[in-house]
Amino acid sequence: MWGPYLADHERVPEWSKETLKILRGLAEDDDSGVTVREGVEATRIEMDPPAWIADLEYSECPPTELPDGFVRGWQYAIPVADMPVYLKYLEDRLKQAGGRLEQGVVTSLETVTPVDASVVNCTGLGAGELAQDADVVPVRGQLVEVENPGIKKFFGEYCQEGAEPTYFLPHGNRVVLGGTHERGRTDIETDAESVAGIIQRCVAVEPALQNAKILNYRVGIRPSRPKVRVERVRLGSRHVVHNYGHGGSGFSLSWGCAREVVNLVLDIQQPPDREGDVLPYPPADTQLGSPSRRMAAWISPPKS
């Protein structure tokens, strides 16, 4: 769901707001996997709401409507993605726009071909090795997918960084339950103890989830970094645009950062005669980038 998490950069508010605008538009496409859903975010300790909530229409929850153990909460509507559907949608848009996906092993940004291309490095956790960036740290997250017993609204726990987040996101006849925050852990095997903890915490918030049939498990590794890296560098004779380190905010910052990457690449290929480096958003049928995968993409220079 949209909402910056585990990401630090002075431009996070800008990137997340721009992404919010695009996601709201995508929610109008039934094939995108994105919907705008109402729900509640709540905290167990007295805390102010997150700064990004100012970009939403929200209201304070009456204390009597909060789950047991929570002291403050907010109601709002935000874009939520059924991620497998959303990634397939993005992949299809990329192909329709003339792009292609190739799987392979990249061991050095200096050897990616063609040699005169601008390389865009969106390798996530792999950027630690590929870009020789020791600041990239894995943060493991686990989810549980269950049958939906009739839940219509999402719930998210607003907690301090490093705490285990509790949340559930309804997607039609399924509900995704989360989650975990396991810094330094990179294994992707299902952890039975984590599963039990996730279910227990979610049931405490919404008893209807008790005994819901488990359908699937998901494990992912967040590419955390003290500061999101979106910048252009020279690597030998070629230009590289880095775009990684988004932590738990890949979805929330995706379109804003993609716009930034496009600007940086265009500045390399066709230095602009304009003030600043900000381009307006393209129409909805224009593809800005590929799904978030461990890959490095290249953009060939225009033919003269």
C-alpha atoms as a PDB file:
ATOM      1  CA  MET A   1       0.000   0.000   0.000  1.00  0.00           C
ATOM      2  CA  TRP A   2       1.108   3.577  -0.605  1.00  0.00           C
ATOM      3  CA  GLY A   3       2.868   5.256   2.316  1.00  0.00           C
ATOM      4  CA  PRO A   4       6.627   5.897   2.632  1.00  0.00           C
ATOM      5  CA  TYR A   5       8.311   3.399   4.972  1.00  0.00           C
ATOM      6  CA  LEU A   6      12.002   2.783   5.700  1.00  0.00           C
ATOM      7  CA  ALA A   7      13.148   5.388   3.168  1.00  0.00           C
ATOM      8  CA  ASP A   8      15.123   8.560   3.785  1.00  0.00           C
ATOM      9  CA  HIS A   9      15.882  11.324   1.293  1.00  0.00           C
ATOM     10  CA  GLU A  10      15.053  15.014   1.206  1.00  0.00           C
ATOM     11  CA  ARG A  11      12.943  14.367  -1.900  1.00  0.00           C
ATOM     12  CA  VAL A  12      10.861  11.512  -0.479  1.00  0.00           C
ATOM     13  CA  PRO A  13       7.850  13.841   0.044  1.00  0.00           C
ATOM     14  CA  GLU A  14       8.032  14.985  -3.588  1.00  0.00           C
ATOM     15  CA  TRP A  15       8.548  11.517  -5.057  1.00  0.00           C
ATOM     16  CA  SER A  16       5.816   9.940  -2.943  1.00  0.00           C
ATOM     17  CA  LYS A  17       3.294  12.664  -3.757  1.00  0.00           C
ATOM     18  CA  GLU A  18       3.958  12.293  -7.483  1.00  0.00           C
ATOM     19  CA  THR A  19       3.624   8.517  -7.200  1.00  0.00           C
ATOM     20  CA  LEU A  20       0.333   8.919  -5.341  1.00  0.00           C
ATOM     21  CA  LYS A  21      -1.041  10.941  -8.251  1.00  0.00           C
ATOM     22  CA  ILE A  22      -0.107   8.267 -10.799  1.00  0.00           C
ATOM     23  CA  LEU A  23      -1.396   5.385  -8.673  1.00  0.00           C
ATOM     24  CA  ARG A  24      -4.763   7.066  -8.239  1.00  0.00           C
ATOM     25  CA  GLY A  25      -4.997   7.221 -12.005  1.00  0.00           C
ATOM     26  CA  LEU A  26      -3.979   3.571 -12.409  1.00  0.00           C
ATOM     27  CA  ALA A  27      -6.716   2.578  -9.967  1.00  0.00           C
ATOM     28  CA  GLU A  28      -9.224   3.527 -12.660  1.00  0.00           C
ATOM     29  CA  ASP A  29      -7.872   0.670 -14.815  1.00  0.00           C
ATOM     30  CA  ASP A  30      -9.362  -2.639 -13.692  1.00  0.00           C
ATOM     31  CA  ASP A  31      -6.388  -4.548 -15.131  1.00  0.00           C
ATOM     32  CA  SER A  32      -3.714  -2.676 -13.167  1.00  0.00           C
ATOM     33  CA  GLY A  33      -4.074  -4.489  -9.852  1.00  0.00           C
ATOM     34  CA  VAL A  34      -4.252  -1.102  -8.105  1.00  0.00           C
ATOM     35  CA  THR A  35      -7.310  -0.017  -6.147  1.00  0.00           C
ATOM     36  CA  VAL A  36      -8.023   2.898  -3.838  1.00  0.00           C
ATOM     37  CA  ARG A  37      -9.124   1.390  -0.546  1.00  0.00           C
ATOM     38  CA  GLU A  38     -10.325   2.876   2.723  1.00  0.00           C
ATOM     39  CA  GLY A  39      -8.853   1.820   6.011  1.00  0.00           C
ATOM     40  CA  VAL A  40      -7.285   2.727   9.312  1.00  0.00           C
ATOM     41  CA  GLU A  41      -3.741   3.306  10.464  1.00  0.00           C
ATOM     42  CA  ALA A  42      -3.213   3.227  14.222  1.00  0.00           C
ATOM     43  CA  THR A  43      -0.445   3.413  16.783  1.00  0.00           C
ATOM     44  CA  ARG A  44       0.043   1.739  20.154  1.00  0.00           C
ATOM     45  CA  ILE A  45       1.804   4.760  21.656  1.00  0.00           C
ATOM     46  CA  GLU A  46       0.934   8.440  21.520  1.00  0.00           C
ATOM     47  CA  MET A  47       2.449   9.678  18.246  1.00  0.00           C
ATOM     48  CA  ASP A  48       1.696  12.337  15.687  1.00  0.00           C
ATOM     49  CA  PRO A  49       0.541  11.056  12.298  1.00  0.00           C
ATOM     50  CA  PRO A  50       3.172  10.647   9.563  1.00  0.00           C
ATOM     51  CA  ALA A  51       3.996  13.836   7.661  1.00  0.00           C
ATOM     52  CA  TRP A  52       2.824  12.357   4.338  1.00  0.00           C
ATOM     53  CA  ILE A  53      -0.730  12.087   5.626  1.00  0.00           C
ATOM     54  CA  ALA A  54      -1.082  15.766   4.705  1.00  0.00           C
ATOM     55  CA  ASP A  55      -1.341  14.605   1.069  1.00  0.00           C
ATOM     56  CA  LEU A  56      -4.550  12.708   1.921  1.00  0.00           C
ATOM     57  CA  GLU A  57      -8.027  13.538   3.121  1.00  0.00           C
ATOM     58  CA  TYR A  58      -8.103  11.931   6.543  1.00  0.00           C
ATOM     59  CA  SER A  59      -9.945  12.031   9.844  1.00  0.00           C
ATOM     60  CA  GLU A  60      -9.000  11.115  13.384  1.00  0.00           C
ATOM     61  CA  CYS A  61     -10.456   7.826  14.636  1.00  0.00           C
ATOM     62  CA  PRO A  62     -12.626   8.032  17.764  1.00  0.00           C
ATOM     63  CA  PRO A  63     -10.858   6.082  20.551  1.00  0.00           C
ATOM     64  CA  THR A  64     -13.843   3.725  20.825  1.00  0.00           C
ATOM     65  CA  GLU A  65     -13.307   2.574  17.222  1.00  0.00           C
ATOM     66  CA  LEU A  66      -9.660   1.606  17.689  1.00  0.00           C
ATOM     67  CA  PRO A  67      -8.562  -2.013  18.227  1.00  0.00           C
ATOM     68  CA  ASP A  68      -7.536  -2.996  21.736  1.00  0.00           C
ATOM     69  CA  GLY A  69      -4.046  -1.785  22.594  1.00  0.00           C
ATOM     70  CA  PHE A  70      -4.079   1.170  20.186  1.00  0.00           C
ATOM     71  CA  VAL A  71      -4.310   4.738  21.442  1.00  0.00           C
ATOM     72  CA  ARG A  72      -4.571   6.838  18.283  1.00  0.00           C
ATOM     73  CA  GLY A  73      -5.505   6.305  14.664  1.00  0.00           C
ATOM     74  CA  TRP A  74      -6.466   7.876  11.354  1.00  0.00           C
ATOM     75  CA  GLN A  75      -8.921   6.932   8.621  1.00  0.00           C
ATOM     76  CA  TYR A  76      -8.102   7.584   4.972  1.00  0.00           C
ATOM     77  CA  ALA A  77      -8.168   6.071   1.470  1.00  0.00           C
ATOM     78  CA  ILE A  78      -4.949   5.154  -0.358  1.00  0.00           C
ATOM     79  CA  PRO A  79      -3.830   3.139  -3.395  1.00  0.00           C
ATOM     80  CA  VAL A  80      -3.235  -0.521  -2.620  1.00  0.00           C
ATOM     81  CA  ALA A  81      -1.680  -2.964  -5.104  1.00  0.00           C
ATOM     82  CA  ASP A  82      -2.222  -6.662  -5.596  1.00  0.00           C
ATOM     83  CA  MET A  83       1.473  -6.932  -6.337  1.00  0.00           C
ATOM     84  CA  PRO A  84       1.646 -10.003  -8.621  1.00  0.00           C
ATOM     85  CA  VAL A  85      -1.134  -8.510 -10.778  1.00  0.00           C
ATOM     86  CA  TYR A  86       0.459  -5.054 -10.736  1.00  0.00           C
ATOM     87  CA  LEU A  87       3.907  -6.317 -11.765  1.00  0.00           C
ATOM     88  CA  LYS A  88       2.392  -8.299 -14.641  1.00  0.00           C
ATOM     89  CA  TYR A  89       0.517  -5.163 -15.721  1.00  0.00           C
ATOM     90  CA  LEU A  90       3.748  -3.141 -15.739  1.00  0.00           C
ATOM     91  CA  GLU A  91       5.548  -5.872 -17.648  1.00  0.00           C
ATOM     92  CA  ASP A  92       2.812  -5.894 -20.304  1.00  0.00           C
ATOM     93  CA  ARG A  93       2.994  -2.107 -20.650  1.00  0.00           C
ATOM     94  CA  LEU A  94       6.745  -2.263 -21.086  1.00  0.00           C
ATOM     95  CA  LYS A  95       6.420  -4.812 -23.891  1.00  0.00           C
ATOM     96  CA  GLN A  96       3.603  -2.855 -25.560  1.00  0.00           C
ATOM     97  CA  ALA A  97       5.858   0.201 -25.568  1.00  0.00           C
ATOM     98  CA  GLY A  98       8.557  -1.751 -27.440  1.00  0.00           C
ATOM     99  CA  GLY A  99      10.700  -2.725 -24.476  1.00  0.00           C
ATOM    100  CA  ARG A 100      11.940  -6.206 -23.714  1.00  0.00           C
ATOM    101  CA  LEU A 101      13.026  -8.177 -20.673  1.00  0.00           C
ATOM    102  CA  GLU A 102      16.124 -10.360 -20.699  1.00  0.00           C
ATOM    103  CA  GLN A 103      17.199 -12.494 -17.765  1.00  0.00           C
ATOM    104  CA  GLY A 104      20.883 -12.860 -17.148  1.00  0.00           C
ATOM    105  CA  VAL A 105      23.752 -12.327 -14.749  1.00  0.00           C
ATOM    106  CA  VAL A 106      25.399  -8.906 -14.533  1.00  0.00           C
ATOM    107  CA  THR A 107      28.668  -8.912 -12.615  1.00  0.00           C
ATOM    108  CA  SER A 108      29.874  -5.419 -13.510  1.00  0.00           C
ATOM    109  CA  LEU A 109      28.193  -2.218 -14.666  1.00  0.00           C
ATOM    110  CA  GLU A 110      31.307  -1.531 -16.728  1.00  0.00           C
ATOM    111  CA  THR A 111      30.758  -4.579 -18.939  1.00  0.00           C
ATOM    112  CA  VAL A 112      27.062  -4.127 -19.722  1.00  0.00           C
ATOM    113  CA  THR A 113      26.558  -3.789 -23.487  1.00  0.00           C
ATOM    114  CA  PRO A 114      26.225  -1.815 -25.676  1.00  0.00           C
ATOM    115  CA  VAL A 115      29.204   0.206 -24.560  1.00  0.00           C
ATOM    116  CA  ASP A 116      27.716   3.547 -25.653  1.00  0.00           C
ATOM    117  CA  ALA A 117      24.492   3.028 -23.677  1.00  0.00           C
ATOM    118  CA  SER A 118      23.324   4.836 -20.560  1.00  0.00           C
ATOM    119  CA  VAL A 119      22.919   2.199 -17.830  1.00  0.00           C
ATOM    120  CA  VAL A 120      20.098   2.476 -15.306  1.00  0.00           C
ATOM    121  CA  ASN A 121      20.925   0.466 -12.205  1.00  0.00           C
ATOM    122  CA  CYS A 122      17.734  -0.680 -10.464  1.00  0.00           C
ATOM    123  CA  THR A 123      19.158  -3.838  -8.899  1.00  0.00           C
ATOM    124  CA  GLY A 124      17.733  -3.367  -5.408  1.00  0.00           C
ATOM    125  CA  LEU A 125      19.579  -5.486  -2.894  1.00  0.00           C
ATOM    126  CA  GLY A 126      21.993  -6.571  -5.624  1.00  0.00           C
ATOM    127  CA  ALA A 127      23.294  -3.013  -5.846  1.00  0.00           C
ATOM    128  CA  GLY A 128      25.291  -3.661  -2.706  1.00  0.00           C
ATOM    129  CA  GLU A 129      27.606  -5.902  -4.707  1.00  0.00           C
ATOM    130  CA  LEU A 130      27.132  -4.505  -8.209  1.00  0.00           C
ATOM    131  CA  ALA A 131      27.703  -0.869  -7.209  1.00  0.00           C
ATOM    132  CA  GLN A 132      30.093  -1.814  -4.392  1.00  0.00           C
ATOM    133  CA  ASP A 133      27.824  -0.007  -1.939  1.00  0.00           C
ATOM    134  CA  ALA A 134      28.316  -1.187   1.630  1.00  0.00           C
ATOM    135  CA  ASP A 135      25.397   0.969   2.798  1.00  0.00           C
ATOM    136  CA  VAL A 136      22.826  -1.391   1.256  1.00  0.00           C
ATOM    137  CA  VAL A 137      21.338  -3.604   3.990  1.00  0.00           C
ATOM    138  CA  PRO A 138      18.724  -6.369   3.576  1.00  0.00           C
ATOM    139  CA  VAL A 139      15.546  -6.165   5.647  1.00  0.00           C
ATOM    140  CA  ARG A 140      13.516  -9.348   5.304  1.00  0.00           C
ATOM    141  CA  GLY A 141       9.726  -9.201   5.210  1.00  0.00           C
ATOM    142  CA  GLN A 142       7.213 -12.033   5.301  1.00  0.00           C
ATOM    143  CA  LEU A 143       3.507 -12.104   4.374  1.00  0.00           C
ATOM    144  CA  VAL A 144       0.681 -14.601   4.748  1.00  0.00           C
ATOM    145  CA  GLU A 145      -2.167 -14.799   2.236  1.00  0.00           C
ATOM    146  CA  VAL A 146      -5.522 -16.104   3.527  1.00  0.00           C
ATOM    147  CA  GLU A 147      -9.118 -16.431   2.354  1.00  0.00           C
ATOM    148  CA  ASN A 148     -11.092 -13.253   2.939  1.00  0.00           C
ATOM    149  CA  PRO A 149     -13.790 -13.751   5.602  1.00  0.00           C
ATOM    150  CA  GLY A 150     -15.517 -10.539   4.486  1.00  0.00           C
ATOM    151  CA  ILE A 151     -12.996  -7.793   5.277  1.00  0.00           C
ATOM    152  CA  LYS A 152     -13.421  -4.637   3.188  1.00  0.00           C
ATOM    153  CA  LYS A 153     -10.993  -2.157   4.763  1.00  0.00           C
ATOM    154  CA  PHE A 154      -7.236  -2.283   5.272  1.00  0.00           C
ATOM    155  CA  PHE A 155      -5.482  -1.879   8.615  1.00  0.00           C
ATOM    156  CA  GLY A 156      -1.923  -0.704   9.153  1.00  0.00           C
ATOM    157  CA  GLU A 157       0.066  -0.197  12.322  1.00  0.00           C
ATOM    158  CA  TYR A 158       2.076   3.013  12.501  1.00  0.00           C
ATOM    159  CA  CYS A 159       5.117   2.052  14.541  1.00  0.00           C
ATOM    160  CA  GLN A 160       8.657   3.127  15.195  1.00  0.00           C
ATOM    161  CA  GLU A 161      11.339   2.014  12.758  1.00  0.00           C
ATOM    162  CA  GLY A 162      12.544  -1.498  13.483  1.00  0.00           C
ATOM    163  CA  ALA A 163       9.320  -2.699  15.114  1.00  0.00           C
ATOM    164  CA  GLU A 164       7.343  -5.591  13.638  1.00  0.00           C
ATOM    165  CA  PRO A 165       4.537  -3.984  11.586  1.00  0.00           C
ATOM    166  CA  THR A 166       1.024  -5.409  11.769  1.00  0.00           C
ATOM    167  CA  TYR A 167      -1.248  -4.915   8.782  1.00  0.00           C
ATOM    168  CA  PHE A 168      -3.756  -6.603   6.499  1.00  0.00           C
ATOM    169  CA  LEU A 169      -4.808  -5.707   2.965  1.00  0.00           C
ATOM    170  CA  PRO A 170      -7.979  -7.149   1.408  1.00  0.00           C
ATOM    171  CA  HIS A 171      -7.811  -8.061  -2.297  1.00  0.00           C
ATOM    172  CA  GLY A 172     -11.199  -9.426  -3.303  1.00  0.00           C
ATOM    173  CA  ASN A 173     -11.506 -12.964  -1.972  1.00  0.00           C
ATOM    174  CA  ARG A 174      -8.020 -12.847  -0.424  1.00  0.00           C
ATOM    175  CA  VAL A 175      -6.387 -10.917   2.412  1.00  0.00           C
ATOM    176  CA  VAL A 176      -2.639 -10.353   2.716  1.00  0.00           C
ATOM    177  CA  LEU A 177      -1.392 -10.317   6.318  1.00  0.00           C
ATOM    178  CA  GLY A 178       1.890  -8.814   7.442  1.00  0.00           C
ATOM    179  CA  GLY A 179       4.510  -8.516   8.411  1.00  0.00           C
ATOM    180  CA  THR A 180       8.081  -8.706   9.680  1.00  0.00           C
ATOM    181  CA  HIS A 181      11.125  -6.446   9.864  1.00  0.00           C
ATOM    182  CA  GLU A 182      14.217  -8.668   9.980  1.00  0.00           C
ATOM    183  CA  ARG A 183      17.314  -6.594   9.401  1.00  0.00           C
ATOM    184  CA  GLY A 184      20.308  -8.417   7.958  1.00  0.00           C
ATOM    185  CA  ARG A 185      18.379 -11.556   7.039  1.00  0.00           C
ATOM    186  CA  THR A 186      18.405 -12.689   3.380  1.00  0.00           C
ATOM    187  CA  ASP A 187      16.929 -16.193   3.365  1.00  0.00           C
ATOM    188  CA  ILE A 188      13.607 -16.531   1.550  1.00  0.00           C
ATOM    189  CA  GLU A 189      12.283 -19.695   3.175  1.00  0.00           C
ATOM    190  CA  THR A 190       8.969 -19.477   5.027  1.00  0.00           C
ATOM    191  CA  ASP A 191       9.516 -19.095   8.764  1.00  0.00           C
ATOM    192  CA  ALA A 192       6.793 -20.906  10.749  1.00  0.00           C
ATOM    193  CA  GLU A 193       7.390 -18.813  13.865  1.00  0.00           C
ATOM    194  CA  SER A 194       7.023 -15.593  11.875  1.00  0.00           C
ATOM    195  CA  VAL A 195       3.831 -16.890  10.254  1.00  0.00           C
ATOM    196  CA  ALA A 196       2.324 -17.672  13.654  1.00  0.00           C
ATOM    197  CA  GLY A 197       3.266 -14.217  14.954  1.00  0.00           C
ATOM    198  CA  ILE A 198       1.770 -12.434  11.951  1.00  0.00           C
ATOM    199  CA  ILE A 199      -1.511 -14.311  12.220  1.00  0.00           C
ATOM    200  CA  GLN A 200      -1.712 -13.821  15.981  1.00  0.00           C
ATOM    201  CA  ARG A 201      -1.186 -10.047  15.723  1.00  0.00           C
ATOM    202  CA  CYS A 202      -3.655  -9.634  12.849  1.00  0.00           C
ATOM    203  CA  VAL A 203      -6.339 -11.705  14.600  1.00  0.00           C
ATOM    204  CA  ALA A 204      -5.928  -9.523  17.694  1.00  0.00           C
ATOM    205  CA  VAL A 205      -6.876  -6.530  15.511  1.00  0.00           C
ATOM    206  CA  GLU A 206      -9.542  -8.300  13.424  1.00  0.00           C
ATOM    207  CA  PRO A 207     -11.007 -11.458  15.053  1.00  0.00           C
ATOM    208  CA  ALA A 208     -12.748 -12.385  11.777  1.00  0.00           C
ATOM    209  CA  LEU A 209      -9.343 -13.576  10.542  1.00  0.00           C
ATOM    210  CA  GLN A 210      -9.298 -16.349  13.143  1.00  0.00           C
ATOM    211  CA  ASN A 211      -9.101 -19.726  11.376  1.00  0.00           C
ATOM    212  CA  ALA A 212      -9.041 -18.117   7.913  1.00  0.00           C
ATOM    213  CA  LYS A 213      -7.677 -20.665   5.438  1.00  0.00           C
ATOM    214  CA  ILE A 214      -4.034 -20.039   4.526  1.00  0.00           C
ATOM    215  CA  LEU A 215      -3.545 -19.836   0.780  1.00  0.00           C
ATOM    216  CA  ASN A 216       0.057 -18.798   0.322  1.00  0.00           C
ATOM    217  CA  TYR A 217       3.207 -17.382   1.886  1.00  0.00           C
ATOM    218  CA  ARG A 218       5.439 -14.646   0.516  1.00  0.00           C
ATOM    219  CA  VAL A 219       8.937 -13.600   1.523  1.00  0.00           C
ATOM    220  CA  GLY A 220      10.767 -10.571   0.183  1.00  0.00           C
ATOM    221  CA  ILE A 221      13.954  -8.680   0.951  1.00  0.00           C
ATOM    222  CA  ARG A 222      13.739  -4.894   1.225  1.00  0.00           C
ATOM    223  CA  PRO A 223      16.865  -3.097  -0.077  1.00  0.00           C
ATOM    224  CA  SER A 224      17.379  -0.665   2.791  1.00  0.00           C
ATOM    225  CA  ARG A 225      19.921   2.156   2.762  1.00  0.00           C
ATOM    226  CA  PRO A 226      20.522   5.198   5.011  1.00  0.00           C
ATOM    227  CA  LYS A 227      19.513   7.354   2.021  1.00  0.00           C
ATOM    228  CA  VAL A 228      17.736   6.442  -1.218  1.00  0.00           C
ATOM    229  CA  ARG A 229      20.217   6.651  -4.090  1.00  0.00           C
ATOM    230  CA  VAL A 230      18.924   8.317  -7.251  1.00  0.00           C
ATOM    231  CA  GLU A 231      21.827   9.967  -9.043  1.00  0.00           C
ATOM    232  CA  ARG A 232      23.964   9.997 -12.188  1.00  0.00           C
ATOM    233  CA  VAL A 233      27.635   9.006 -12.099  1.00  0.00           C
ATOM    234  CA  ARG A 234      30.414   8.386 -14.610  1.00  0.00           C
ATOM    235  CA  LEU A 235      31.838   4.897 -14.735  1.00  0.00           C
ATOM    236  CA  GLY A 236      34.767   4.875 -17.101  1.00  0.00           C
ATOM    237  CA  SER A 237      33.489   6.046 -20.478  1.00  0.00           C
ATOM    238  CA  ARG A 238      29.815   5.462 -19.727  1.00  0.00           C
ATOM    239  CA  HIS A 239      27.065   7.095 -17.683  1.00  0.00           C
ATOM    240  CA  VAL A 240      25.249   5.180 -14.941  1.00  0.00           C
ATOM    241  CA  VAL A 241      22.010   6.312 -13.296  1.00  0.00           C
ATOM    242  CA  HIS A 242      21.514   4.646  -9.919  1.00  0.00           C
ATOM    243  CA  ASN A 243      18.005   4.071  -8.589  1.00  0.00           C
ATOM    244  CA  TYR A 244      17.939   1.840  -5.495  1.00  0.00           C
ATOM    245  CA  GLY A 245      17.844   1.774  -1.700  1.00  0.00           C
ATOM    246  CA  HIS A 246      14.106   2.463  -1.361  1.00  0.00           C
ATOM    247  CA  GLY A 247      13.678   0.220   1.690  1.00  0.00           C
ATOM    248  CA  GLY A 248       9.980  -0.529   2.180  1.00  0.00           C
ATOM    249  CA  SER A 249       8.916   2.337  -0.104  1.00  0.00           C
ATOM    250  CA  GLY A 250       9.515   0.899  -3.553  1.00  0.00           C
ATOM    251  CA  PHE A 251       5.810   1.086  -4.409  1.00  0.00           C
ATOM    252  CA  SER A 252       5.314   4.459  -2.730  1.00  0.00           C
ATOM    253  CA  LEU A 253       8.230   6.191  -4.488  1.00  0.00           C
ATOM    254  CA  SER A 254       8.267   4.249  -7.762  1.00  0.00           C
ATOM    255  CA  TRP A 255       6.756   6.676 -10.256  1.00  0.00           C
ATOM    256  CA  GLY A 256       8.389   9.746  -8.739  1.00  0.00           C
ATOM    257  CA  CYS A 257      11.814   8.117  -8.885  1.00  0.00           C
ATOM    258  CA  ALA A 258      11.141   6.783 -12.395  1.00  0.00           C
ATOM    259  CA  ARG A 259      10.400  10.322 -13.554  1.00  0.00           C
ATOM    260  CA  GLU A 260      13.663  11.448 -12.004  1.00  0.00           C
ATOM    261  CA  VAL A 261      15.577   8.667 -13.770  1.00  0.00           C
ATOM    262  CA  VAL A 262      14.049   9.601 -17.125  1.00  0.00           C
ATOM    263  CA  ASN A 263      15.152  13.197 -16.632  1.00  0.00           C
ATOM    264  CA  LEU A 264      18.689  12.144 -15.763  1.00  0.00           C
ATOM    265  CA  VAL A 265      18.954   9.914 -18.835  1.00  0.00           C
ATOM    266  CA  LEU A 266      17.528  12.593 -21.116  1.00  0.00           C
ATOM    267  CA  ASP A 267      20.049  15.067 -19.733  1.00  0.00           C
ATOM    268  CA  ILE A 268      22.814  12.658 -20.758  1.00  0.00           C
ATOM    269  CA  GLN A 269      21.505  12.053 -24.253  1.00  0.00           C
ATOM    270  CA  GLN A 270      20.089  15.483 -25.026  1.00  0.00           C
ATOM    271  CA  PRO A 271      21.280  18.182 -22.589  1.00  0.00           C
ATOM    272  CA  PRO A 272      18.165  20.297 -21.970  1.00  0.00           C
ATOM    273  CA  ASP A 273      17.781  23.980 -22.750  1.00  0.00           C
ATOM    274  CA  ARG A 274      15.461  24.394 -19.801  1.00  0.00           C
ATOM    275  CA  GLU A 275      15.618  25.456 -16.194  1.00  0.00           C
ATOM    276  CA  GLY A 276      15.834  22.558 -13.770  1.00  0.00           C
ATOM    277  CA  ASP A 277      15.534  18.916 -14.728  1.00  0.00           C
ATOM    278  CA  VAL A 278      11.899  18.170 -14.040  1.00  0.00           C
ATOM    279  CA  LEU A 279       9.687  16.770 -16.780  1.00  0.00           C
ATOM    280  CA  PRO A 280       5.895  16.656 -16.547  1.00  0.00           C
ATOM    281  CA  TYR A 281       4.274  13.258 -16.251  1.00  0.00           C
ATOM    282  CA  PRO A 282       3.699  11.415 -19.514  1.00  0.00           C
ATOM    283  CA  PRO A 283       0.229  10.241 -20.533  1.00  0.00           C
ATOM    284  CA  ALA A 284      -1.079   7.112 -18.840  1.00  0.00           C
ATOM    285  CA  ASP A 285      -0.164   4.958 -21.853  1.00  0.00           C
ATOM    286  CA  THR A 286       3.530   5.882 -21.673  1.00  0.00           C
ATOM    287  CA  GLN A 287       5.799   3.393 -19.894  1.00  0.00           C
ATOM    288  CA  LEU A 288       8.418   4.925 -17.611  1.00  0.00           C
ATOM    289  CA  GLY A 289      10.167   1.826 -16.422  1.00  0.00           C
ATOM    290  CA  SER A 290      10.113  -1.891 -15.836  1.00  0.00           C
ATOM    291  CA  PRO A 291       8.858  -3.811 -12.815  1.00  0.00           C
ATOM    292  CA  SER A 292      11.057  -3.792  -9.740  1.00  0.00           C
ATOM    293  CA  ARG A 293      13.393  -6.692 -10.423  1.00  0.00           C
ATOM    294  CA  ARG A 294      17.026  -7.429  -9.739  1.00  0.00           C
ATOM    295  CA  MET A 295      18.219  -6.208 -13.084  1.00  0.00           C
ATOM    296  CA  ALA A 296      20.169  -3.464 -14.776  1.00  0.00           C
ATOM    297  CA  ALA A 297      18.569  -1.815 -17.785  1.00  0.00           C
ATOM    298  CA  TRP A 298      20.220   0.201 -20.486  1.00  0.00           C
ATOM    299  CA  ILE A 299      18.848   2.939 -22.706  1.00  0.00           C
ATOM    300  CA  SER A 300      20.521   3.296 -26.058  1.00  0.00           C
ATOM    301  CA  PRO A 301      21.415   6.804 -27.236  1.00  0.00           C
ATOM    302  CA  PRO A 302      19.310   8.341 -30.025  1.00  0.00           C
ATOM    303  CA  LYS A 303      20.533   7.684 -33.543  1.00  0.00           C
ATOM    304  CA  SER A 304      22.074  10.669 -35.242  1.00  0.00           C
END
